[in-house]
Structure formats: C-alpha cells, structure tokens
C-alpha cells in the first residue's frame, strides 16, 4: 500500500474533517479513505464497500435515554376505558 501525505490543510477544513470523523465514530484516516474511494472508484466497480446508503443504519447505536421524550410519551400510558367499550 502507498502512503499519501496531504499538506497545508486549512484550519476550517481540518476542523470539519475531525468533526465528521468523530460524529461517524471513525478515524480521520478511515473517513478520508472512504471519501476518496467514493469519489475516485465509484464507477470502476471497486470500493463498493462504502456505498452511501439511505437507510436506518444511523440509528444502530442503540437506545438513548431522553427524559424530555419520556415526559411527552406519558400520556400514552393512560387507557381510555370508553374507547374499549
């Protein structure tokens, strides 16, 4: 494998790359490789492991406790007996 060094990355760009990598839970290197594959190999049949998907994978991280949501959902715990007659 070849190593490529990128120099003179402006502050705002570097900050955005770091932010995106952190949000996706991957290293900056992994993120940049994914983006490079997507851009340069998209029509070659190679690099299809990183196909951008429009699905629910972003929610795979598990359940997140949210007190505000719990308060909003409490009214659904009430059973209206008249509705079941």
Protein backbone atom coordinates (compact mmCIF):
# COMPACT_ATOMS: atom_id res chain seq x y z
CA UNK A 1 0.00 0.00 0.00
CA UNK A 2 1.07 3.53 -0.70
CA UNK A 3 1.06 6.31 1.84
CA UNK A 4 -0.01 9.77 0.73
CA UNK A 5 0.59 12.88 2.81
CA UNK A 6 -1.61 15.92 2.41
CA UNK A 7 -0.05 19.22 3.46
CA UNK A 8 -1.38 22.71 4.10
CA UNK A 9 -4.91 21.71 5.10
CA UNK A 10 -6.67 24.91 6.15
CA UNK A 11 -7.95 25.16 9.73
CA UNK A 12 -11.69 25.17 8.89
CA UNK A 13 -11.30 22.15 6.60
CA UNK A 14 -9.27 20.22 9.17
CA UNK A 15 -11.83 21.08 11.83
CA UNK A 16 -14.69 19.81 9.65
CA UNK A 17 -12.83 16.58 8.88
CA UNK A 18 -12.21 15.99 12.60
CA UNK A 19 -15.85 16.74 13.41
CA UNK A 20 -17.20 14.42 10.71
CA UNK A 21 -14.87 11.60 11.77
CA UNK A 22 -15.88 11.99 15.41
CA UNK A 23 -19.59 12.03 14.56
CA UNK A 24 -19.27 8.89 12.46
CA UNK A 25 -17.12 7.15 15.08
CA UNK A 26 -14.19 6.55 12.76
CA UNK A 27 -10.67 7.83 12.42
CA UNK A 28 -9.85 10.74 10.16
CA UNK A 29 -7.84 8.35 8.00
CA UNK A 30 -10.78 5.94 7.61
CA UNK A 31 -13.13 8.81 6.77
CA UNK A 32 -10.80 10.27 4.15
CA UNK A 33 -10.17 6.85 2.59
CA UNK A 34 -13.93 6.28 2.36
CA UNK A 35 -14.44 9.66 0.70
CA UNK A 36 -11.56 9.12 -1.73
CA UNK A 37 -12.85 5.66 -2.67
CA UNK A 38 -16.35 7.03 -3.19
CA UNK A 39 -15.07 9.81 -5.42
CA UNK A 40 -12.43 8.02 -7.46
CA UNK A 41 -13.71 4.43 -7.58
CA UNK A 42 -17.46 4.92 -7.81
CA UNK A 43 -17.74 3.84 -11.45
CA UNK A 44 -14.94 1.30 -11.51
CA UNK A 45 -16.72 -1.41 -9.54
CA UNK A 46 -14.05 -1.18 -6.85
CA UNK A 47 -14.60 0.38 -3.46
CA UNK A 48 -18.27 -0.50 -3.28
CA UNK A 49 -17.97 -1.42 0.41
CA UNK A 50 -18.52 2.24 1.22
CA UNK A 51 -21.66 2.80 -0.82
CA UNK A 52 -23.70 5.61 0.65
CA UNK A 53 -26.99 4.21 1.85
CA UNK A 54 -30.28 5.84 2.65
CA UNK A 55 -31.44 3.53 5.42
CA UNK A 56 -31.65 3.29 9.20
CA UNK A 57 -28.01 2.40 9.92
CA UNK A 58 -27.51 5.77 11.58
CA UNK A 59 -29.82 4.59 14.36
CA UNK A 60 -27.91 1.37 15.09
CA UNK A 61 -26.09 2.94 18.03
CA UNK A 62 -28.73 1.74 20.48
CA UNK A 63 -31.33 3.21 22.78
CA UNK A 64 -30.75 6.70 24.13
CA UNK A 65 -32.49 7.69 27.34
CA UNK A 66 -34.27 11.02 26.89
CA UNK A 67 -36.18 12.38 29.88
CA UNK A 68 -37.97 15.00 27.79
CA UNK A 69 -39.25 12.33 25.42
CA UNK A 70 -40.41 10.17 28.33
CA UNK A 71 -42.44 13.08 29.72
CA UNK A 72 -44.02 13.68 26.30
CA UNK A 73 -44.95 10.00 25.96
CA UNK A 74 -46.50 9.58 29.42
CA UNK A 75 -49.97 10.46 28.17
CA UNK A 76 -49.91 7.30 26.06
CA UNK A 77 -49.68 5.21 29.24
CA UNK A 78 -53.27 6.19 30.10
CA UNK A 79 -56.01 3.87 28.89
CA UNK A 80 -59.31 5.49 27.99
CA UNK A 81 -61.81 2.82 29.03
CA UNK A 82 -64.54 4.44 26.94
CA UNK A 83 -62.53 3.67 23.80
CA UNK A 84 -62.67 -0.07 24.65
CA UNK A 85 -66.43 -0.40 25.12
